[in-house]
Amino acid sequence: METSNKTTLTVSATINAPVAKVWEYWNKPEHITQWCQASPDWHAPYADNDLQVGGTFKTTMAAKDGSFSFDFGGVYSEVEGHKYIAYAMGDGREVKIKFEADGDTTAVTESFDAETQNPIEMQQAGWQAILDNFKKYTEEN
């Protein structure tokens, strides 16, 4: 009998904005490029997003000094407007994102399969940093 060694990590934030705005800022490429980085020395110079079941997305994440970049992408398996997104990353790991509206605030919770290359704490911190950037960008714009 084979057992799964899959570890699922979760990050969350409460955004001080209504769910319609949160959904738009999360999914529109012109917004994704403004918030999708884990630290100030990185940026997202490119994003595209076909938000539908079977649709794909890609965000290029790059060091601002040009020393390194990679594409983060996947294929959507579930999309429920203003509520839920699920996708598989290029390496098969799964991500689930819940959007929970509460008046003028929206709780965003992301659960994702950890990878085996980097420490769990580093992955958790990186994903949380990106979500925190999203919160800051959405609330300030």
N, C-alpha and C. Protein backbone atom coordinates (compact mmCIF):
# COMPACT_ATOMS: atom_id res chain seq x y z
N MET A 1 0.83 -1.19 0.00
CA MET A 1 0.00 0.00 0.00
C MET A 1 0.88 1.25 0.00
N GLU A 2 0.59 2.13 -0.92
CA GLU A 2 1.38 3.35 -1.05
C GLU A 2 0.71 4.48 -0.28
N THR A 3 1.51 5.21 0.49
CA THR A 3 0.95 6.36 1.20
C THR A 3 1.49 7.63 0.57
N SER A 4 0.68 8.66 0.63
CA SER A 4 1.08 9.94 0.05
C SER A 4 1.90 10.72 1.06
N ASN A 5 3.00 11.28 0.61
CA ASN A 5 3.81 12.14 1.46
C ASN A 5 3.48 13.60 1.20
N LYS A 6 2.36 13.83 0.56
CA LYS A 6 1.98 15.18 0.18
C LYS A 6 1.68 16.03 1.41
N THR A 7 2.29 17.20 1.46
CA THR A 7 2.03 18.16 2.52
C THR A 7 1.27 19.33 1.92
N THR A 8 0.15 19.68 2.55
CA THR A 8 -0.63 20.82 2.09
C THR A 8 -0.40 21.99 3.04
N LEU A 9 -0.05 23.13 2.48
CA LEU A 9 0.17 24.35 3.26
C LEU A 9 -0.99 25.31 3.01
N THR A 10 -1.24 26.19 3.97
CA THR A 10 -2.33 27.16 3.83
C THR A 10 -1.85 28.54 4.25
N VAL A 11 -2.22 29.54 3.46
CA VAL A 11 -1.97 30.94 3.80
C VAL A 11 -3.30 31.67 3.68
N SER A 12 -3.45 32.75 4.44
CA SER A 12 -4.71 33.49 4.35
C SER A 12 -4.51 34.95 4.72
N ALA A 13 -5.46 35.76 4.29
CA ALA A 13 -5.47 37.18 4.62
C ALA A 13 -6.90 37.68 4.48
N THR A 14 -7.24 38.68 5.27
CA THR A 14 -8.53 39.35 5.12
C THR A 14 -8.26 40.70 4.46
N ILE A 15 -8.86 40.87 3.29
CA ILE A 15 -8.66 42.06 2.48
C ILE A 15 -9.78 43.05 2.79
N ASN A 16 -9.44 44.29 3.05
CA ASN A 16 -10.45 45.32 3.32
C ASN A 16 -10.96 45.88 1.99
N ALA A 17 -11.70 45.02 1.29
CA ALA A 17 -12.31 45.38 0.00
C ALA A 17 -13.41 44.36 -0.28
N PRO A 18 -14.47 44.78 -0.99
CA PRO A 18 -15.54 43.85 -1.35
C PRO A 18 -15.06 42.77 -2.31
N VAL A 19 -15.74 41.63 -2.30
CA VAL A 19 -15.29 40.47 -3.06
C VAL A 19 -15.18 40.75 -4.56
N ALA A 20 -16.04 41.58 -5.13
CA ALA A 20 -15.97 41.86 -6.58
C ALA A 20 -14.62 42.50 -6.93
N LYS A 21 -14.16 43.43 -6.12
CA LYS A 21 -12.86 44.07 -6.37
C LYS A 21 -11.73 43.07 -6.13
N VAL A 22 -11.81 42.31 -5.05
CA VAL A 22 -10.77 41.32 -4.74
C VAL A 22 -10.63 40.32 -5.89
N TRP A 23 -11.76 39.83 -6.38
CA TRP A 23 -11.77 38.87 -7.49
C TRP A 23 -11.11 39.49 -8.73
N GLU A 24 -11.47 40.71 -9.07
CA GLU A 24 -10.91 41.38 -10.25
C GLU A 24 -9.40 41.56 -10.10
N TYR A 25 -8.95 42.05 -8.95
CA TYR A 25 -7.53 42.31 -8.74
C TYR A 25 -6.73 41.00 -8.70
N TRP A 26 -7.33 39.93 -8.24
CA TRP A 26 -6.67 38.62 -8.18
C TRP A 26 -6.47 38.05 -9.58
N ASN A 27 -7.43 38.31 -10.49
CA ASN A 27 -7.47 37.59 -11.76
C ASN A 27 -7.09 38.37 -13.01
N LYS A 28 -7.12 39.69 -12.98
CA LYS A 28 -6.80 40.46 -14.19
C LYS A 28 -5.29 40.67 -14.31
N PRO A 29 -4.72 40.31 -15.48
CA PRO A 29 -3.27 40.41 -15.66
C PRO A 29 -2.68 41.78 -15.32
N GLU A 30 -3.41 42.86 -15.63
CA GLU A 30 -2.86 44.19 -15.34
C GLU A 30 -2.71 44.43 -13.84
N HIS A 31 -3.45 43.69 -13.03
CA HIS A 31 -3.30 43.78 -11.58
C HIS A 31 -2.27 42.76 -11.08
N ILE A 32 -2.31 41.55 -11.62
CA ILE A 32 -1.38 40.49 -11.19
C ILE A 32 0.06 40.98 -11.26
N THR A 33 0.41 41.70 -12.32
CA THR A 33 1.79 42.17 -12.47
C THR A 33 2.17 43.20 -11.42
N GLN A 34 1.18 43.77 -10.73
CA GLN A 34 1.46 44.78 -9.72
C GLN A 34 1.70 44.20 -8.32
N TRP A 35 1.22 42.98 -8.05
CA TRP A 35 1.31 42.44 -6.69
C TRP A 35 2.01 41.08 -6.58
N CYS A 36 2.24 40.39 -7.68
CA CYS A 36 2.70 39.00 -7.60
C CYS A 36 4.22 38.88 -7.46
N GLN A 37 4.70 39.18 -6.25
CA GLN A 37 6.11 38.96 -5.92
C GLN A 37 6.22 38.79 -4.41
N ALA A 38 7.24 38.03 -3.99
CA ALA A 38 7.39 37.72 -2.56
C ALA A 38 8.27 38.72 -1.83
N SER A 39 9.06 39.49 -2.58
CA SER A 39 9.94 40.47 -1.92
C SER A 39 10.17 41.66 -2.86
N PRO A 40 10.57 42.81 -2.30
CA PRO A 40 10.70 44.04 -3.10
C PRO A 40 11.74 43.96 -4.23
N ASP A 41 12.68 43.02 -4.15
CA ASP A 41 13.70 42.92 -5.21
C ASP A 41 13.24 42.02 -6.36
N TRP A 42 11.98 41.58 -6.33
CA TRP A 42 11.38 40.80 -7.41
C TRP A 42 10.21 41.56 -8.00
N HIS A 43 9.81 41.17 -9.21
CA HIS A 43 8.61 41.74 -9.84
C HIS A 43 8.00 40.70 -10.77
N ALA A 44 6.82 41.03 -11.30
CA ALA A 44 6.12 40.16 -12.23
C ALA A 44 5.94 40.94 -13.54
N PRO A 45 6.90 40.83 -14.45
CA PRO A 45 6.82 41.64 -15.67
C PRO A 45 5.77 41.18 -16.68
N TYR A 46 5.21 39.96 -16.50
CA TYR A 46 4.25 39.45 -17.48
C TYR A 46 3.23 38.57 -16.78
N ALA A 47 1.97 38.67 -17.19
CA ALA A 47 0.93 37.76 -16.72
C ALA A 47 -0.14 37.61 -17.80
N ASP A 48 -0.65 36.39 -17.95
CA ASP A 48 -1.86 36.18 -18.74
C ASP A 48 -2.73 35.19 -17.98
N ASN A 49 -4.05 35.28 -18.19
CA ASN A 49 -4.97 34.49 -17.39
C ASN A 49 -6.25 34.23 -18.16
N ASP A 50 -6.53 32.94 -18.43
CA ASP A 50 -7.77 32.52 -19.07
C ASP A 50 -8.59 31.81 -18.00
N LEU A 51 -9.34 32.59 -17.22
CA LEU A 51 -10.02 32.11 -16.03
C LEU A 51 -11.30 31.35 -16.38
N GLN A 52 -11.13 30.07 -16.70
CA GLN A 52 -12.25 29.17 -16.95
C GLN A 52 -11.73 27.75 -16.80
N VAL A 53 -12.63 26.81 -16.55
CA VAL A 53 -12.21 25.41 -16.42
C VAL A 53 -11.50 24.99 -17.71
N GLY A 54 -10.30 24.46 -17.58
CA GLY A 54 -9.48 24.09 -18.73
C GLY A 54 -8.60 25.22 -19.23
N GLY A 55 -8.87 26.44 -18.75
CA GLY A 55 -8.06 27.60 -19.13
C GLY A 55 -6.71 27.58 -18.42
N THR A 56 -5.76 28.30 -18.98
CA THR A 56 -4.42 28.33 -18.41
C THR A 56 -4.06 29.74 -17.96
N PHE A 57 -3.06 29.80 -17.09
CA PHE A 57 -2.51 31.09 -16.68
C PHE A 57 -1.01 30.97 -16.61
N LYS A 58 -0.35 32.12 -16.74
CA LYS A 58 1.10 32.16 -16.59
C LYS A 58 1.49 33.54 -16.06
N THR A 59 2.35 33.54 -15.05
CA THR A 59 2.92 34.76 -14.52
C THR A 59 4.43 34.59 -14.51
N THR A 60 5.14 35.53 -15.11
CA THR A 60 6.60 35.51 -15.05
C THR A 60 7.04 36.26 -13.80
N MET A 61 7.81 35.59 -12.98
CA MET A 61 8.37 36.20 -11.78
C MET A 61 9.86 36.35 -12.01
N ALA A 62 10.40 37.54 -11.71
CA ALA A 62 11.79 37.81 -12.04
C ALA A 62 12.46 38.68 -11.00
N ALA A 63 13.74 38.43 -10.79
CA ALA A 63 14.54 39.32 -9.96
C ALA A 63 14.69 40.63 -10.71
N LYS A 64 14.54 41.74 -10.02
CA LYS A 64 14.62 43.05 -10.68
C LYS A 64 15.99 43.30 -11.29
N ASP A 65 17.03 42.66 -10.75
CA ASP A 65 18.38 42.85 -11.30
C ASP A 65 18.64 41.98 -12.54
N GLY A 66 17.62 41.21 -12.95
CA GLY A 66 17.74 40.39 -14.15
C GLY A 66 18.49 39.09 -13.97
N SER A 67 18.87 38.75 -12.74
CA SER A 67 19.70 37.57 -12.51
C SER A 67 18.94 36.25 -12.61
N PHE A 68 17.62 36.29 -12.44
CA PHE A 68 16.86 35.04 -12.43
C PHE A 68 15.40 35.33 -12.73
N SER A 69 14.75 34.41 -13.43
CA SER A 69 13.30 34.51 -13.62
C SER A 69 12.73 33.12 -13.85
N PHE A 70 11.44 32.98 -13.60
CA PHE A 70 10.76 31.72 -13.89
C PHE A 70 9.29 32.02 -14.16
N ASP A 71 8.64 31.08 -14.85
CA ASP A 71 7.22 31.20 -15.12
C ASP A 71 6.45 30.34 -14.14
N PHE A 72 5.43 30.92 -13.52
CA PHE A 72 4.53 30.22 -12.63
C PHE A 72 3.22 30.08 -13.37
N GLY A 73 2.74 28.85 -13.53
CA GLY A 73 1.52 28.69 -14.30
C GLY A 73 0.79 27.41 -13.98
N GLY A 74 -0.35 27.25 -14.63
CA GLY A 74 -1.13 26.05 -14.41
C GLY A 74 -2.40 26.04 -15.24
N VAL A 75 -3.26 25.04 -14.94
CA VAL A 75 -4.51 24.84 -15.65
C VAL A 75 -5.64 24.80 -14.62
N TYR A 76 -6.68 25.58 -14.87
CA TYR A 76 -7.81 25.64 -13.96
C TYR A 76 -8.66 24.37 -14.03
N SER A 77 -9.02 23.83 -12.85
CA SER A 77 -9.91 22.67 -12.78
C SER A 77 -11.30 23.06 -12.26
N GLU A 78 -11.38 24.14 -11.47
CA GLU A 78 -12.66 24.64 -10.99
C GLU A 78 -12.61 26.16 -10.89
N VAL A 79 -13.70 26.81 -11.30
CA VAL A 79 -13.83 28.25 -11.16
C VAL A 79 -15.28 28.55 -10.81
N GLU A 80 -15.48 29.15 -9.64
CA GLU A 80 -16.82 29.59 -9.23
C GLU A 80 -16.71 31.06 -8.89
N GLY A 81 -17.25 31.90 -9.76
CA GLY A 81 -17.09 33.34 -9.67
C GLY A 81 -17.26 33.93 -8.28
N HIS A 82 -16.28 34.73 -7.86
CA HIS A 82 -16.27 35.43 -6.58
C HIS A 82 -16.21 34.50 -5.37
N LYS A 83 -15.98 33.17 -5.61
CA LYS A 83 -16.01 32.23 -4.49
C LYS A 83 -14.83 31.27 -4.43
N TYR A 84 -14.47 30.68 -5.58
CA TYR A 84 -13.54 29.55 -5.50
C TYR A 84 -12.78 29.37 -6.82
N ILE A 85 -11.50 29.06 -6.68
CA ILE A 85 -10.65 28.71 -7.83
C ILE A 85 -9.81 27.51 -7.43
N ALA A 86 -9.69 26.54 -8.33
CA ALA A 86 -8.76 25.43 -8.12
C ALA A 86 -7.98 25.24 -9.41
N TYR A 87 -6.69 24.92 -9.26
CA TYR A 87 -5.87 24.67 -10.44
C TYR A 87 -4.75 23.70 -10.11
N ALA A 88 -4.20 23.13 -11.18
CA ALA A 88 -3.00 22.29 -11.07
C ALA A 88 -1.85 23.07 -11.66
N MET A 89 -0.75 23.15 -10.91
CA MET A 89 0.46 23.79 -11.41
C MET A 89 1.10 22.89 -12.46
N GLY A 90 2.07 23.44 -13.16
CA GLY A 90 2.75 22.69 -14.21
C GLY A 90 3.33 21.37 -13.74
N ASP A 91 3.74 21.28 -12.47
CA ASP A 91 4.33 20.04 -11.96
C ASP A 91 3.28 19.11 -11.33
N GLY A 92 1.99 19.47 -11.47
CA GLY A 92 0.92 18.61 -10.99
C GLY A 92 0.42 18.93 -9.58
N ARG A 93 1.15 19.78 -8.86
CA ARG A 93 0.68 20.13 -7.52
C ARG A 93 -0.61 20.94 -7.62
N GLU A 94 -1.49 20.76 -6.64
CA GLU A 94 -2.80 21.40 -6.67
C GLU A 94 -2.87 22.60 -5.73
N VAL A 95 -3.66 23.59 -6.17
CA VAL A 95 -3.90 24.80 -5.39
C VAL A 95 -5.40 25.05 -5.35
N LYS A 96 -5.89 25.41 -4.17
CA LYS A 96 -7.30 25.76 -3.99
C LYS A 96 -7.37 27.11 -3.30
N ILE A 97 -8.21 28.00 -3.82
CA ILE A 97 -8.33 29.35 -3.28
C ILE A 97 -9.80 29.65 -3.00
N LYS A 98 -10.09 30.02 -1.76
CA LYS A 98 -11.45 30.40 -1.37
C LYS A 98 -11.51 31.90 -1.16
N PHE A 99 -12.60 32.50 -1.64
CA PHE A 99 -12.88 33.91 -1.45
C PHE A 99 -14.18 33.98 -0.64
N GLU A 100 -14.11 34.48 0.60
CA GLU A 100 -15.28 34.52 1.45
C GLU A 100 -15.65 35.98 1.75
N ALA A 101 -16.76 36.41 1.14
CA ALA A 101 -17.21 37.79 1.29
C ALA A 101 -17.88 37.99 2.63
N ASP A 102 -17.59 39.14 3.24
CA ASP A 102 -18.26 39.55 4.47
C ASP A 102 -18.40 41.07 4.40
N GLY A 103 -19.43 41.52 3.71
CA GLY A 103 -19.64 42.96 3.53
C GLY A 103 -18.50 43.58 2.75
N ASP A 104 -17.80 44.53 3.37
CA ASP A 104 -16.71 45.23 2.68
C ASP A 104 -15.35 44.58 2.92
N THR A 105 -15.33 43.38 3.45
CA THR A 105 -14.06 42.64 3.57
C THR A 105 -14.20 41.29 2.89
N THR A 106 -13.07 40.73 2.51
CA THR A 106 -13.05 39.43 1.85
C THR A 106 -11.89 38.62 2.42
N ALA A 107 -12.20 37.44 2.92
CA ALA A 107 -11.15 36.53 3.38
C ALA A 107 -10.69 35.69 2.19
N VAL A 108 -9.38 35.66 1.96
CA VAL A 108 -8.79 34.85 0.90
C VAL A 108 -7.94 33.78 1.57
N THR A 109 -8.24 32.51 1.27
CA THR A 109 -7.49 31.39 1.83
C THR A 109 -6.98 30.53 0.69
N GLU A 110 -5.67 30.35 0.66
CA GLU A 110 -5.02 29.53 -0.37
C GLU A 110 -4.44 28.28 0.28
N SER A 111 -4.78 27.11 -0.25
CA SER A 111 -4.17 25.86 0.19
C SER A 111 -3.41 25.30 -1.01
N PHE A 112 -2.18 24.86 -0.77
CA PHE A 112 -1.37 24.38 -1.89
C PHE A 112 -0.49 23.22 -1.46
N ASP A 113 -0.24 22.31 -2.42
CA ASP A 113 0.66 21.20 -2.17
C ASP A 113 2.08 21.72 -2.14
N ALA A 114 2.81 21.37 -1.09
CA ALA A 114 4.21 21.77 -0.97
C ALA A 114 5.05 21.03 -2.00
N GLU A 115 6.15 21.66 -2.41
CA GLU A 115 7.12 20.96 -3.25
C GLU A 115 8.24 20.45 -2.35
N THR A 116 9.14 19.66 -2.91
CA THR A 116 10.15 19.00 -2.08
C THR A 116 11.53 19.66 -2.17
N GLN A 117 11.67 20.71 -2.98
CA GLN A 117 12.97 21.34 -3.19
C GLN A 117 13.36 22.32 -2.09
N ASN A 118 12.39 22.98 -1.51
CA ASN A 118 12.65 24.03 -0.53
C ASN A 118 11.97 23.69 0.79
N PRO A 119 12.52 24.21 1.90
CA PRO A 119 11.90 23.94 3.21
C PRO A 119 10.46 24.44 3.26
N ILE A 120 9.63 23.68 4.00
CA ILE A 120 8.21 24.02 4.16
C ILE A 120 8.06 25.47 4.65
N GLU A 121 8.86 25.86 5.63
CA GLU A 121 8.74 27.21 6.21
C GLU A 121 9.01 28.28 5.16
N MET A 122 9.94 28.02 4.27
CA MET A 122 10.27 28.98 3.21
C MET A 122 9.11 29.10 2.22
N GLN A 123 8.51 27.97 1.86
CA GLN A 123 7.37 27.98 0.94
C GLN A 123 6.20 28.73 1.57
N GLN A 124 5.90 28.41 2.82
CA GLN A 124 4.80 29.06 3.54
C GLN A 124 5.03 30.57 3.59
N ALA A 125 6.24 30.98 3.94
CA ALA A 125 6.56 32.41 4.05
C ALA A 125 6.47 33.11 2.70
N GLY A 126 6.93 32.44 1.63
CA GLY A 126 6.89 33.03 0.29
C GLY A 126 5.47 33.25 -0.20
N TRP A 127 4.63 32.23 -0.04
CA TRP A 127 3.23 32.36 -0.48
C TRP A 127 2.50 33.39 0.37
N GLN A 128 2.80 33.43 1.67
CA GLN A 128 2.15 34.42 2.54
C GLN A 128 2.59 35.83 2.15
N ALA A 129 3.87 36.00 1.82
CA ALA A 129 4.37 37.32 1.41
C ALA A 129 3.67 37.81 0.14
N ILE A 130 3.45 36.91 -0.81
CA ILE A 130 2.75 37.29 -2.05
C ILE A 130 1.31 37.68 -1.72
N LEU A 131 0.65 36.89 -0.86
CA LEU A 131 -0.73 37.22 -0.47
C LEU A 131 -0.78 38.55 0.27
N ASP A 132 0.21 38.81 1.13
CA ASP A 132 0.27 40.10 1.83
C ASP A 132 0.46 41.26 0.85
N ASN A 133 1.27 41.05 -0.19
CA ASN A 133 1.43 42.08 -1.24
C ASN A 133 0.11 42.33 -1.94
N PHE A 134 -0.63 41.23 -2.22
CA PHE A 134 -1.94 41.36 -2.85
C PHE A 134 -2.86 42.21 -1.98
N LYS A 135 -2.90 41.92 -0.69
CA LYS A 135 -3.74 42.67 0.26
C LYS A 135 -3.39 44.15 0.21
N LYS A 136 -2.10 44.46 0.32
CA LYS A 136 -1.63 45.85 0.33
C LYS A 136 -2.02 46.56 -0.98
N TYR A 137 -1.73 45.92 -2.12
CA TYR A 137 -2.04 46.51 -3.42
C TYR A 137 -3.54 46.75 -3.58
N THR A 138 -4.34 45.76 -3.23
CA THR A 138 -5.80 45.88 -3.40
C THR A 138 -6.37 46.97 -2.52
N GLU A 139 -5.91 47.05 -1.28
CA GLU A 139 -6.43 48.05 -0.36
C GLU A 139 -5.99 49.46 -0.73
N GLU A 140 -4.83 49.60 -1.36
CA GLU A 140 -4.30 50.94 -1.69
C GLU A 140 -4.75 51.46 -3.05
N ASN A 141 -5.40 50.64 -3.86
CA ASN A 141 -5.79 51.07 -5.21
C ASN A 141 -7.31 51.05 -5.41
